[in-house]
Amino acid sequence: MPKAKKITGLAPLPPYIMPDASEPEYPLILEQLQDYRNSLIGSSYYYIRAGDECNYLCRIVHGGGKVFFHELVDHHKHGISDEDIEQSVKRDTGTFTLPGLYPISPHIEQKLRILYDI
């Protein structure tokens, strides 16, 4: 008789970044995203953070009251390719004043809105 495999079915928690000393520009990020209407999808603000070797799709999630969480999103689960992310960074015209932050492209926005039926 074969041995049963242990399956938990639990996915790891997404990495969240709390606004603290590690994210000193947090209030400015949120302010700029609130001024950029395409970044608000559902109840979350989306943007791209350019890393050293990779670009990340991020979102800010309202946690209640004045608490917001930065979340690194697995863009592949939303049908967004690495090329979609790279094109957003390349086509930016300086929308955000903070270095390394970019708005999502209309293409990514469309994919996210379809996903959330907005």
PDB file of N, CA and C in Angstrom:
ATOM      1  N   MET A   1       0.837  -1.176   0.000  1.00  0.00           N
ATOM      2  CA  MET A   1       0.000   0.000   0.000  1.00  0.00           C
ATOM      3  C   MET A   1       0.883   1.241   0.000  1.00  0.00           C
ATOM      4  N   PRO A   2       0.641   2.227  -0.936  1.00  0.00           N
ATOM      5  CA  PRO A   2       1.471   3.427  -0.974  1.00  0.00           C
ATOM      6  C   PRO A   2       1.196   4.319   0.223  1.00  0.00           C
ATOM      7  N   LYS A   3       2.255   5.028   0.628  1.00  0.00           N
ATOM      8  CA  LYS A   3       2.123   5.957   1.750  1.00  0.00           C
ATOM      9  C   LYS A   3       1.416   7.227   1.294  1.00  0.00           C
ATOM     10  N   ALA A   4       0.613   7.774   2.157  1.00  0.00           N
ATOM     11  CA  ALA A   4      -0.096   9.020   1.854  1.00  0.00           C
ATOM     12  C   ALA A   4       0.872  10.202   1.935  1.00  0.00           C
ATOM     13  N   LYS A   5       0.687  11.135   1.018  1.00  0.00           N
ATOM     14  CA  LYS A   5       1.512  12.345   1.019  1.00  0.00           C
ATOM     15  C   LYS A   5       0.880  13.381   1.941  1.00  0.00           C
ATOM     16  N   LYS A   6       1.722  14.086   2.641  1.00  0.00           N
ATOM     17  CA  LYS A   6       1.231  15.133   3.526  1.00  0.00           C
ATOM     18  C   LYS A   6       1.026  16.403   2.701  1.00  0.00           C
ATOM     19  N   ILE A   7      -0.217  16.846   2.587  1.00  0.00           N
ATOM     20  CA  ILE A   7      -0.551  18.046   1.820  1.00  0.00           C
ATOM     21  C   ILE A   7      -1.272  19.003   2.757  1.00  0.00           C
ATOM     22  N   THR A   8      -0.730  20.188   2.901  1.00  0.00           N
ATOM     23  CA  THR A   8      -1.362  21.161   3.798  1.00  0.00           C
ATOM     24  C   THR A   8      -2.351  22.037   3.058  1.00  0.00           C
ATOM     25  N   GLY A   9      -2.101  22.318   1.773  1.00  0.00           N
ATOM     26  CA  GLY A   9      -2.998  23.168   1.005  1.00  0.00           C
ATOM     27  C   GLY A   9      -2.889  24.637   1.360  1.00  0.00           C
ATOM     28  N   LEU A  10      -1.960  25.012   2.214  1.00  0.00           N
ATOM     29  CA  LEU A  10      -1.814  26.404   2.613  1.00  0.00           C
ATOM     30  C   LEU A  10      -0.732  27.075   1.784  1.00  0.00           C
ATOM     31  N   ALA A  11      -1.070  28.213   1.233  1.00  0.00           N
ATOM     32  CA  ALA A  11      -0.095  28.988   0.480  1.00  0.00           C
ATOM     33  C   ALA A  11       0.635  29.905   1.448  1.00  0.00           C
ATOM     34  N   PRO A  12       1.882  30.234   1.160  1.00  0.00           N
ATOM     35  CA  PRO A  12       2.588  31.165   2.052  1.00  0.00           C
ATOM     36  C   PRO A  12       1.924  32.537   2.021  1.00  0.00           C
ATOM     37  N   LEU A  13       2.012  33.241   3.120  1.00  0.00           N
ATOM     38  CA  LEU A  13       1.439  34.584   3.188  1.00  0.00           C
ATOM     39  C   LEU A  13       2.181  35.524   2.256  1.00  0.00           C
ATOM     40  N   PRO A  14       1.481  36.472   1.650  1.00  0.00           N
ATOM     41  CA  PRO A  14       2.174  37.428   0.784  1.00  0.00           C
ATOM     42  C   PRO A  14       3.067  38.343   1.615  1.00  0.00           C
ATOM     43  N   PRO A  15       4.167  38.794   1.030  1.00  0.00           N
ATOM     44  CA  PRO A  15       5.050  39.679   1.784  1.00  0.00           C
ATOM     45  C   PRO A  15       4.450  41.082   1.893  1.00  0.00           C
ATOM     46  N   TYR A  16       4.254  41.544   3.085  1.00  0.00           N
ATOM     47  CA  TYR A  16       3.745  42.890   3.327  1.00  0.00           C
ATOM     48  C   TYR A  16       4.850  43.751   3.900  1.00  0.00           C
ATOM     49  N   ILE A  17       4.778  45.014   3.603  1.00  0.00           N
ATOM     50  CA  ILE A  17       5.735  45.966   4.141  1.00  0.00           C
ATOM     51  C   ILE A  17       4.950  46.973   4.966  1.00  0.00           C
ATOM     52  N   MET A  18       5.245  47.061   6.227  1.00  0.00           N
ATOM     53  CA  MET A  18       4.587  48.048   7.070  1.00  0.00           C
ATOM     54  C   MET A  18       5.309  49.382   6.911  1.00  0.00           C
ATOM     55  N   PRO A  19       4.560  50.471   6.934  1.00  0.00           N
ATOM     56  CA  PRO A  19       5.208  51.785   6.826  1.00  0.00           C
ATOM     57  C   PRO A  19       5.992  52.095   8.092  1.00  0.00           C
ATOM     58  N   ASP A  20       7.290  52.019   8.000  1.00  0.00           N
ATOM     59  CA  ASP A  20       8.153  52.337   9.138  1.00  0.00           C
ATOM     60  C   ASP A  20       9.448  52.901   8.585  1.00  0.00           C
ATOM     61  N   ALA A  21      10.517  52.801   9.322  1.00  0.00           N
ATOM     62  CA  ALA A  21      11.791  53.367   8.882  1.00  0.00           C
ATOM     63  C   ALA A  21      12.300  52.722   7.602  1.00  0.00           C
ATOM     64  N   SER A  22      11.862  51.492   7.304  1.00  0.00           N
ATOM     65  CA  SER A  22      12.324  50.837   6.078  1.00  0.00           C
ATOM     66  C   SER A  22      11.632  51.394   4.839  1.00  0.00           C
ATOM     67  N   GLU A  23      10.558  52.120   5.011  1.00  0.00           N
ATOM     68  CA  GLU A  23       9.797  52.694   3.895  1.00  0.00           C
ATOM     69  C   GLU A  23       9.543  54.177   4.196  1.00  0.00           C
ATOM     70  N   PRO A  24      10.609  54.986   4.257  1.00  0.00           N
ATOM     71  CA  PRO A  24      10.464  56.375   4.720  1.00  0.00           C
ATOM     72  C   PRO A  24       9.581  57.240   3.828  1.00  0.00           C
ATOM     73  N   GLU A  25       9.462  56.921   2.554  1.00  0.00           N
ATOM     74  CA  GLU A  25       8.657  57.734   1.644  1.00  0.00           C
ATOM     75  C   GLU A  25       7.206  57.280   1.598  1.00  0.00           C
ATOM     76  N   TYR A  26       6.792  56.424   2.538  1.00  0.00           N
ATOM     77  CA  TYR A  26       5.445  55.865   2.526  1.00  0.00           C
ATOM     78  C   TYR A  26       4.341  56.905   2.346  1.00  0.00           C
ATOM     79  N   PRO A  27       4.292  57.980   3.136  1.00  0.00           N
ATOM     80  CA  PRO A  27       3.187  58.947   2.951  1.00  0.00           C
ATOM     81  C   PRO A  27       3.195  59.579   1.557  1.00  0.00           C
ATOM     82  N   LEU A  28       4.379  59.811   0.990  1.00  0.00           N
ATOM     83  CA  LEU A  28       4.481  60.395  -0.343  1.00  0.00           C
ATOM     84  C   LEU A  28       4.014  59.412  -1.414  1.00  0.00           C
ATOM     85  N   ILE A  29       4.323  58.119  -1.244  1.00  0.00           N
ATOM     86  CA  ILE A  29       3.856  57.104  -2.198  1.00  0.00           C
ATOM     87  C   ILE A  29       2.333  57.108  -2.224  1.00  0.00           C
ATOM     88  N   LEU A  30       1.721  57.049  -1.060  1.00  0.00           N
ATOM     89  CA  LEU A  30       0.270  57.014  -0.980  1.00  0.00           C
ATOM     90  C   LEU A  30      -0.342  58.289  -1.555  1.00  0.00           C
ATOM     91  N   GLU A  31       0.253  59.431  -1.255  1.00  0.00           N
ATOM     92  CA  GLU A  31      -0.256  60.710  -1.783  1.00  0.00           C
ATOM     93  C   GLU A  31      -0.205  60.740  -3.306  1.00  0.00           C
ATOM     94  N   GLN A  32       0.906  60.304  -3.885  1.00  0.00           N
ATOM     95  CA  GLN A  32       1.028  60.320  -5.341  1.00  0.00           C
ATOM     96  C   GLN A  32       0.071  59.325  -5.990  1.00  0.00           C
ATOM     97  N   LEU A  33      -0.112  58.171  -5.388  1.00  0.00           N
ATOM     98  CA  LEU A  33      -1.038  57.189  -5.943  1.00  0.00           C
ATOM     99  C   LEU A  33      -2.471  57.694  -5.891  1.00  0.00           C
ATOM    100  N   GLN A  34      -2.826  58.412  -4.845  1.00  0.00           N
ATOM    101  CA  GLN A  34      -4.177  58.934  -4.722  1.00  0.00           C
ATOM    102  C   GLN A  34      -4.445  60.008  -5.767  1.00  0.00           C
ATOM    103  N   ASP A  35      -3.406  60.679  -6.245  1.00  0.00           N
ATOM    104  CA  ASP A  35      -3.554  61.692  -7.290  1.00  0.00           C
ATOM    105  C   ASP A  35      -3.609  61.086  -8.689  1.00  0.00           C
ATOM    106  N   TYR A  36      -3.226  59.842  -8.826  1.00  0.00           N
ATOM    107  CA  TYR A  36      -3.172  59.170 -10.120  1.00  0.00           C
ATOM    108  C   TYR A  36      -4.350  58.207 -10.201  1.00  0.00           C
ATOM    109  N   ARG A  37      -5.424  58.605 -10.853  1.00  0.00           N
ATOM    110  CA  ARG A  37      -6.691  57.870 -10.791  1.00  0.00           C
ATOM    111  C   ARG A  37      -6.613  56.447 -11.343  1.00  0.00           C
ATOM    112  N   ASN A  38      -5.730  56.180 -12.297  1.00  0.00           N
ATOM    113  CA  ASN A  38      -5.641  54.829 -12.874  1.00  0.00           C
ATOM    114  C   ASN A  38      -5.084  53.804 -11.895  1.00  0.00           C
ATOM    115  N   SER A  39      -4.437  54.265 -10.825  1.00  0.00           N
ATOM    116  CA  SER A  39      -3.835  53.325  -9.888  1.00  0.00           C
ATOM    117  C   SER A  39      -4.849  52.727  -8.923  1.00  0.00           C
ATOM    118  N   LEU A  40      -6.034  53.337  -8.777  1.00  0.00           N
ATOM    119  CA  LEU A  40      -7.051  52.816  -7.864  1.00  0.00           C
ATOM    120  C   LEU A  40      -7.927  51.797  -8.591  1.00  0.00           C
ATOM    121  N   ILE A  41      -7.823  50.554  -8.161  1.00  0.00           N
ATOM    122  CA  ILE A  41      -8.619  49.473  -8.739  1.00  0.00           C
ATOM    123  C   ILE A  41      -9.265  48.744  -7.575  1.00  0.00           C
ATOM    124  N   GLY A  42     -10.578  48.729  -7.568  1.00  0.00           N
ATOM    125  CA  GLY A  42     -11.284  48.200  -6.404  1.00  0.00           C
ATOM    126  C   GLY A  42     -11.011  49.114  -5.230  1.00  0.00           C
ATOM    127  N   SER A  43     -10.496  48.559  -4.160  1.00  0.00           N
ATOM    128  CA  SER A  43     -10.157  49.372  -2.991  1.00  0.00           C
ATOM    129  C   SER A  43      -8.650  49.411  -2.755  1.00  0.00           C
ATOM    130  N   SER A  44      -7.877  49.069  -3.789  1.00  0.00           N
ATOM    131  CA  SER A  44      -6.421  49.033  -3.667  1.00  0.00           C
ATOM    132  C   SER A  44      -5.769  49.961  -4.680  1.00  0.00           C
ATOM    133  N   TYR A  45      -4.611  50.487  -4.305  1.00  0.00           N
ATOM    134  CA  TYR A  45      -3.800  51.302  -5.203  1.00  0.00           C
ATOM    135  C   TYR A  45      -2.652  50.438  -5.723  1.00  0.00           C
ATOM    136  N   TYR A  46      -2.457  50.413  -7.050  1.00  0.00           N
ATOM    137  CA  TYR A  46      -1.414  49.600  -7.670  1.00  0.00           C
ATOM    138  C   TYR A  46      -0.327  50.483  -8.264  1.00  0.00           C
ATOM    139  N   TYR A  47       0.905  49.997  -8.198  1.00  0.00           N
ATOM    140  CA  TYR A  47       2.047  50.676  -8.807  1.00  0.00           C
ATOM    141  C   TYR A  47       3.160  49.666  -9.025  1.00  0.00           C
ATOM    142  N   ILE A  48       4.211  50.090  -9.693  1.00  0.00           N
ATOM    143  CA  ILE A  48       5.357  49.223  -9.955  1.00  0.00           C
ATOM    144  C   ILE A  48       6.571  49.792  -9.254  1.00  0.00           C
ATOM    145  N   ARG A  49       7.285  48.915  -8.591  1.00  0.00           N
ATOM    146  CA  ARG A  49       8.542  49.295  -7.935  1.00  0.00           C
ATOM    147  C   ARG A  49       9.666  48.601  -8.687  1.00  0.00           C
ATOM    148  N   ALA A  50      10.605  49.393  -9.180  1.00  0.00           N
ATOM    149  CA  ALA A  50      11.749  48.843  -9.905  1.00  0.00           C
ATOM    150  C   ALA A  50      12.801  48.407  -8.905  1.00  0.00           C
ATOM    151  N   GLY A  51      13.183  47.135  -8.985  1.00  0.00           N
ATOM    152  CA  GLY A  51      14.217  46.598  -8.103  1.00  0.00           C
ATOM    153  C   GLY A  51      15.547  46.543  -8.827  1.00  0.00           C
ATOM    154  N   ASP A  52      16.546  46.037  -8.136  1.00  0.00           N
ATOM    155  CA  ASP A  52      17.878  45.932  -8.725  1.00  0.00           C
ATOM    156  C   ASP A  52      17.895  44.987  -9.920  1.00  0.00           C
ATOM    157  N   GLU A  53      17.253  43.843  -9.767  1.00  0.00           N
ATOM    158  CA  GLU A  53      17.265  42.857 -10.839  1.00  0.00           C
ATOM    159  C   GLU A  53      15.878  42.529 -11.358  1.00  0.00           C
ATOM    160  N   CYS A  54      14.851  43.060 -10.725  1.00  0.00           N
ATOM    161  CA  CYS A  54      13.492  42.697 -11.085  1.00  0.00           C
ATOM    162  C   CYS A  54      12.554  43.850 -10.759  1.00  0.00           C
ATOM    163  N   ASN A  55      11.446  43.927 -11.478  1.00  0.00           N
ATOM    164  CA  ASN A  55      10.414  44.916 -11.188  1.00  0.00           C
ATOM    165  C   ASN A  55       9.251  44.203 -10.520  1.00  0.00           C
ATOM    166  N   TYR A  56       8.591  44.894  -9.608  1.00  0.00           N
ATOM    167  CA  TYR A  56       7.530  44.280  -8.817  1.00  0.00           C
ATOM    168  C   TYR A  56       6.226  45.043  -8.963  1.00  0.00           C
ATOM    169  N   LEU A  57       5.135  44.311  -9.118  1.00  0.00           N
ATOM    170  CA  LEU A  57       3.816  44.905  -9.047  1.00  0.00           C
ATOM    171  C   LEU A  57       3.463  44.980  -7.574  1.00  0.00           C
ATOM    172  N   CYS A  58       3.082  46.154  -7.120  1.00  0.00           N
ATOM    173  CA  CYS A  58       2.762  46.364  -5.711  1.00  0.00           C
ATOM    174  C   CYS A  58       1.373  46.955  -5.591  1.00  0.00           C
ATOM    175  N   ARG A  59       0.811  46.779  -4.432  1.00  0.00           N
ATOM    176  CA  ARG A  59      -0.454  47.438  -4.162  1.00  0.00           C
ATOM    177  C   ARG A  59      -0.467  47.891  -2.713  1.00  0.00           C
ATOM    178  N   ILE A  60      -1.252  48.905  -2.472  1.00  0.00           N
ATOM    179  CA  ILE A  60      -1.469  49.380  -1.116  1.00  0.00           C
ATOM    180  C   ILE A  60      -2.897  49.005  -0.759  1.00  0.00           C
ATOM    181  N   VAL A  61      -3.027  48.276   0.333  1.00  0.00           N
ATOM    182  CA  VAL A  61      -4.311  47.767   0.787  1.00  0.00           C
ATOM    183  C   VAL A  61      -4.697  48.508   2.058  1.00  0.00           C
ATOM    184  N   HIS A  62      -5.928  48.981   2.099  1.00  0.00           N
ATOM    185  CA  HIS A  62      -6.413  49.659   3.293  1.00  0.00           C
ATOM    186  C   HIS A  62      -6.657  48.629   4.374  1.00  0.00           C
ATOM    187  N   GLY A  63      -6.059  48.840   5.530  1.00  0.00           N
ATOM    188  CA  GLY A  63      -6.198  47.886   6.619  1.00  0.00           C
ATOM    189  C   GLY A  63      -7.152  48.328   7.705  1.00  0.00           C
ATOM    190  N   GLY A  64      -7.840  49.447   7.513  1.00  0.00           N
ATOM    191  CA  GLY A  64      -8.760  49.964   8.520  1.00  0.00           C
ATOM    192  C   GLY A  64      -8.176  51.182   9.209  1.00  0.00           C
ATOM    193  N   GLY A  65      -8.999  52.190   9.410  1.00  0.00           N
ATOM    194  CA  GLY A  65      -8.507  53.422  10.023  1.00  0.00           C
ATOM    195  C   GLY A  65      -7.473  54.090   9.145  1.00  0.00           C
ATOM    196  N   LYS A  66      -6.348  54.440   9.730  1.00  0.00           N
ATOM    197  CA  LYS A  66      -5.269  55.074   8.968  1.00  0.00           C
ATOM    198  C   LYS A  66      -4.168  54.079   8.602  1.00  0.00           C
ATOM    199  N   VAL A  67      -4.449  52.794   8.746  1.00  0.00           N
ATOM    200  CA  VAL A  67      -3.444  51.769   8.472  1.00  0.00           C
ATOM    201  C   VAL A  67      -3.574  51.298   7.031  1.00  0.00           C
ATOM    202  N   PHE A  68      -2.463  51.317   6.314  1.00  0.00           N
ATOM    203  CA  PHE A  68      -2.381  50.800   4.956  1.00  0.00           C
ATOM    204  C   PHE A  68      -1.201  49.837   4.906  1.00  0.00           C
ATOM    205  N   PHE A  69      -1.296  48.813   4.077  1.00  0.00           N
ATOM    206  CA  PHE A  69      -0.220  47.848   3.919  1.00  0.00           C
ATOM    207  C   PHE A  69       0.267  47.860   2.477  1.00  0.00           C
ATOM    208  N   HIS A  70       1.578  47.807   2.302  1.00  0.00           N
ATOM    209  CA  HIS A  70       2.167  47.628   0.978  1.00  0.00           C
ATOM    210  C   HIS A  70       2.290  46.124   0.763  1.00  0.00           C
ATOM    211  N   GLU A  71       1.828  45.654  -0.372  1.00  0.00           N
ATOM    212  CA  GLU A  71       1.905  44.229  -0.679  1.00  0.00           C
ATOM    213  C   GLU A  71       2.609  44.032  -2.010  1.00  0.00           C
ATOM    214  N   LEU A  72       3.532  43.076  -2.055  1.00  0.00           N
ATOM    215  CA  LEU A  72       4.142  42.669  -3.314  1.00  0.00           C
ATOM    216  C   LEU A  72       3.206  41.636  -3.925  1.00  0.00           C
ATOM    217  N   VAL A  73       2.732  41.902  -5.140  1.00  0.00           N
ATOM    218  CA  VAL A  73       1.723  41.064  -5.787  1.00  0.00           C
ATOM    219  C   VAL A  73       2.393  40.097  -6.756  1.00  0.00           C
ATOM    220  N   ASP A  74       1.947  38.852  -6.748  1.00  0.00           N
ATOM    221  CA  ASP A  74       2.404  37.881  -7.741  1.00  0.00           C
ATOM    222  C   ASP A  74       1.627  38.177  -9.020  1.00  0.00           C
ATOM    223  N   HIS A  75       2.227  38.977  -9.900  1.00  0.00           N
ATOM    224  CA  HIS A  75       1.528  39.443 -11.096  1.00  0.00           C
ATOM    225  C   HIS A  75       1.161  38.313 -12.057  1.00  0.00           C
ATOM    226  N   HIS A  76       1.907  37.225 -12.030  1.00  0.00           N
ATOM    227  CA  HIS A  76       1.590  36.099 -12.913  1.00  0.00           C
ATOM    228  C   HIS A  76       0.222  35.505 -12.588  1.00  0.00           C
ATOM    229  N   LYS A  77      -0.169  35.526 -11.330  1.00  0.00           N
ATOM    230  CA  LYS A  77      -1.481  35.004 -10.932  1.00  0.00           C
ATOM    231  C   LYS A  77      -2.616  35.865 -11.471  1.00  0.00           C
ATOM    232  N   HIS A  78      -2.313  37.074 -11.889  1.00  0.00           N
ATOM    233  CA  HIS A  78      -3.320  37.994 -12.424  1.00  0.00           C
ATOM    234  C   HIS A  78      -3.242  38.104 -13.948  1.00  0.00           C
ATOM    235  N   GLY A  79      -2.480  37.214 -14.585  1.00  0.00           N
ATOM    236  CA  GLY A  79      -2.366  37.232 -16.041  1.00  0.00           C
ATOM    237  C   GLY A  79      -1.480  38.354 -16.567  1.00  0.00           C
ATOM    238  N   ILE A  80      -0.610  38.870 -15.722  1.00  0.00           N
ATOM    239  CA  ILE A  80       0.288  39.970 -16.105  1.00  0.00           C
ATOM    240  C   ILE A  80       1.688  39.389 -16.260  1.00  0.00           C
ATOM    241  N   SER A  81       2.264  39.590 -17.421  1.00  0.00           N
ATOM    242  CA  SER A  81       3.581  39.021 -17.703  1.00  0.00           C
ATOM    243  C   SER A  81       4.700  39.958 -17.240  1.00  0.00           C
ATOM    244  N   ASP A  82       5.904  39.410 -17.205  1.00  0.00           N
ATOM    245  CA  ASP A  82       7.078  40.226 -16.893  1.00  0.00           C
ATOM    246  C   ASP A  82       7.237  41.325 -17.943  1.00  0.00           C
ATOM    247  N   GLU A  83       6.905  41.003 -19.190  1.00  0.00           N
ATOM    248  CA  GLU A  83       7.014  41.981 -20.273  1.00  0.00           C
ATOM    249  C   GLU A  83       6.019  43.133 -20.066  1.00  0.00           C
ATOM    250  N   ASP A  84       4.821  42.825 -19.565  1.00  0.00           N
ATOM    251  CA  ASP A  84       3.844  43.879 -19.265  1.00  0.00           C
ATOM    252  C   ASP A  84       4.417  44.852 -18.228  1.00  0.00           C
ATOM    253  N   ILE A  85       5.056  44.299 -17.214  1.00  0.00           N
ATOM    254  CA  ILE A  85       5.651  45.126 -16.159  1.00  0.00           C
ATOM    255  C   ILE A  85       6.785  45.975 -16.736  1.00  0.00           C
ATOM    256  N   GLU A  86       7.649  45.353 -17.536  1.00  0.00           N
ATOM    257  CA  GLU A  86       8.775  46.076 -18.142  1.00  0.00           C
ATOM    258  C   GLU A  86       8.289  47.198 -19.049  1.00  0.00           C
ATOM    259  N   GLN A  87       7.240  46.953 -19.819  1.00  0.00           N
ATOM    260  CA  GLN A  87       6.695  47.991 -20.707  1.00  0.00           C
ATOM    261  C   GLN A  87       6.143  49.175 -19.912  1.00  0.00           C
ATOM    262  N   SER A  88       5.543  48.919 -18.771  1.00  0.00           N
ATOM    263  CA  SER A  88       5.047  50.011 -17.920  1.00  0.00           C
ATOM    264  C   SER A  88       6.185  50.903 -17.471  1.00  0.00           C
ATOM    265  N   VAL A  89       7.290  50.289 -17.098  1.00  0.00           N
ATOM    266  CA  VAL A  89       8.450  51.064 -16.645  1.00  0.00           C
ATOM    267  C   VAL A  89       9.032  51.858 -17.809  1.00  0.00           C
ATOM    268  N   LYS A  90       9.141  51.249 -18.978  1.00  0.00           N
ATOM    269  CA  LYS A  90       9.735  51.908 -20.147  1.00  0.00           C
ATOM    270  C   LYS A  90       8.894  53.069 -20.666  1.00  0.00           C
ATOM    271  N   ARG A  91       7.567  52.960 -20.584  1.00  0.00           N
ATOM    272  CA  ARG A  91       6.700  53.991 -21.172  1.00  0.00           C
ATOM    273  C   ARG A  91       6.414  55.149 -20.227  1.00  0.00           C
ATOM    274  N   ASP A  92       6.866  55.061 -18.972  1.00  0.00           N
ATOM    275  CA  ASP A  92       6.578  56.113 -18.000  1.00  0.00           C
ATOM    276  C   ASP A  92       7.243  57.425 -18.405  1.00  0.00           C
ATOM    277  N   THR A  93       6.513  58.504 -18.174  1.00  0.00           N
ATOM    278  CA  THR A  93       7.018  59.837 -18.520  1.00  0.00           C
ATOM    279  C   THR A  93       7.311  60.671 -17.278  1.00  0.00           C
ATOM    280  N   GLY A  94       7.603  60.013 -16.171  1.00  0.00           N
ATOM    281  CA  GLY A  94       7.914  60.736 -14.944  1.00  0.00           C
ATOM    282  C   GLY A  94       6.689  61.091 -14.134  1.00  0.00           C
ATOM    283  N   THR A  95       5.698  60.217 -14.122  1.00  0.00           N
ATOM    284  CA  THR A  95       4.455  60.468 -13.401  1.00  0.00           C
ATOM    285  C   THR A  95       4.701  60.643 -11.909  1.00  0.00           C
ATOM    286  N   PHE A  96       5.514  59.778 -11.327  1.00  0.00           N
ATOM    287  CA  PHE A  96       5.819  59.861  -9.902  1.00  0.00           C
ATOM    288  C   PHE A  96       7.173  60.531  -9.711  1.00  0.00           C
ATOM    289  N   THR A  97       7.295  61.279  -8.643  1.00  0.00           N
ATOM    290  CA  THR A  97       8.557  61.977  -8.384  1.00  0.00           C
ATOM    291  C   THR A  97       9.549  61.120  -7.618  1.00  0.00           C
ATOM    292  N   LEU A  98       9.095  60.033  -7.055  1.00  0.00           N
ATOM    293  CA  LEU A  98       9.999  59.163  -6.301  1.00  0.00           C
ATOM    294  C   LEU A  98      10.734  58.213  -7.243  1.00  0.00           C
ATOM    295  N   PRO A  99      12.049  58.124  -7.112  1.00  0.00           N
ATOM    296  CA  PRO A  99      12.798  57.232  -7.995  1.00  0.00           C
ATOM    297  C   PRO A  99      12.445  55.772  -7.733  1.00  0.00           C
ATOM    298  N   GLY A 100      12.368  55.004  -8.812  1.00  0.00           N
ATOM    299  CA  GLY A 100      12.088  53.584  -8.707  1.00  0.00           C
ATOM    300  C   GLY A 100      10.619  53.219  -8.645  1.00  0.00           C
ATOM    301  N   LEU A 101       9.723  54.213  -8.663  1.00  0.00           N
ATOM    302  CA  LEU A 101       8.287  53.949  -8.650  1.00  0.00           C
ATOM    303  C   LEU A 101       7.675  54.362  -9.968  1.00  0.00           C
ATOM    304  N   TYR A 102       6.777  53.516 -10.482  1.00  0.00           N
ATOM    305  CA  TYR A 102       6.167  53.764 -11.778  1.00  0.00           C
ATOM    306  C   TYR A 102       4.680  53.434 -11.722  1.00  0.00           C
ATOM    307  N   PRO A 103       3.881  54.150 -12.496  1.00  0.00           N
ATOM    308  CA  PRO A 103       2.457  53.813 -12.552  1.00  0.00           C
ATOM    309  C   PRO A 103       2.244  52.552 -13.391  1.00  0.00           C
ATOM    310  N   ILE A 104       1.126  51.906 -13.179  1.00  0.00           N
ATOM    311  CA  ILE A 104       0.787  50.764 -14.023  1.00  0.00           C
ATOM    312  C   ILE A 104       0.334  51.288 -15.384  1.00  0.00           C
ATOM    313  N   SER A 105       0.562  50.507 -16.404  1.00  0.00           N
ATOM    314  CA  SER A 105       0.151  50.892 -17.757  1.00  0.00           C
ATOM    315  C   SER A 105      -1.348  50.675 -17.918  1.00  0.00           C
ATOM    316  N   PRO A 106      -1.948  51.292 -18.947  1.00  0.00           N
ATOM    317  CA  PRO A 106      -3.367  51.024 -19.217  1.00  0.00           C
ATOM    318  C   PRO A 106      -3.645  49.537 -19.464  1.00  0.00           C
ATOM    319  N   HIS A 107      -2.684  48.830 -20.036  1.00  0.00           N
ATOM    320  CA  HIS A 107      -2.841  47.395 -20.297  1.00  0.00           C
ATOM    321  C   HIS A 107      -2.953  46.606 -18.987  1.00  0.00           C
ATOM    322  N   ILE A 108      -2.068  46.904 -18.031  1.00  0.00           N
ATOM    323  CA  ILE A 108      -2.121  46.240 -16.724  1.00  0.00           C
ATOM    324  C   ILE A 108      -3.386  46.650 -15.991  1.00  0.00           C
ATOM    325  N   GLU A 109      -3.728  47.919 -16.076  1.00  0.00           N
ATOM    326  CA  GLU A 109      -4.959  48.391 -15.438  1.00  0.00           C
ATOM    327  C   GLU A 109      -6.166  47.616 -15.964  1.00  0.00           C
ATOM    328  N   GLN A 110      -6.228  47.427 -17.273  1.00  0.00           N
ATOM    329  CA  GLN A 110      -7.344  46.702 -17.885  1.00  0.00           C
ATOM    330  C   GLN A 110      -7.404  45.260 -17.369  1.00  0.00           C
ATOM    331  N   LYS A 111      -6.265  44.593 -17.295  1.00  0.00           N
ATOM    332  CA  LYS A 111      -6.238  43.217 -16.799  1.00  0.00           C
ATOM    333  C   LYS A 111      -6.715  43.143 -15.350  1.00  0.00           C
ATOM    334  N   LEU A 112      -6.291  44.083 -14.531  1.00  0.00           N
ATOM    335  CA  LEU A 112      -6.708  44.076 -13.131  1.00  0.00           C
ATOM    336  C   LEU A 112      -8.191  44.399 -12.985  1.00  0.00           C
ATOM    337  N   ARG A 113      -8.682  45.321 -13.785  1.00  0.00           N
ATOM    338  CA  ARG A 113     -10.114  45.678 -13.707  1.00  0.00           C
ATOM    339  C   ARG A 113     -10.993  44.505 -14.164  1.00  0.00           C
ATOM    340  N   ILE A 114     -10.551  43.785 -15.181  1.00  0.00           N
ATOM    341  CA  ILE A 114     -11.297  42.595 -15.624  1.00  0.00           C
ATOM    342  C   ILE A 114     -11.303  41.556 -14.514  1.00  0.00           C
ATOM    343  N   LEU A 115     -10.152  41.383 -13.878  1.00  0.00           N
ATOM    344  CA  LEU A 115     -10.037  40.412 -12.802  1.00  0.00           C
ATOM    345  C   LEU A 115     -11.014  40.721 -11.673  1.00  0.00           C
ATOM    346  N   TYR A 116     -11.151  41.989 -11.352  1.00  0.00           N
ATOM    347  CA  TYR A 116     -12.028  42.395 -10.252  1.00  0.00           C
ATOM    348  C   TYR A 116     -13.418  42.786 -10.721  1.00  0.00           C
ATOM    349  N   ASP A 117     -13.693  42.600 -12.030  1.00  0.00           N
ATOM    350  CA  ASP A 117     -14.999  42.933 -12.607  1.00  0.00           C
ATOM    351  C   ASP A 117     -15.417  44.380 -12.336  1.00  0.00           C
ATOM    352  N   ILE A 118     -14.476  45.277 -12.548  1.00  0.00           N
ATOM    353  CA  ILE A 118     -14.750  46.703 -12.308  1.00  0.00           C
ATOM    354  C   ILE A 118     -14.890  47.402 -13.638  1.00  0.00           C
TER     355      ILE A 118
END
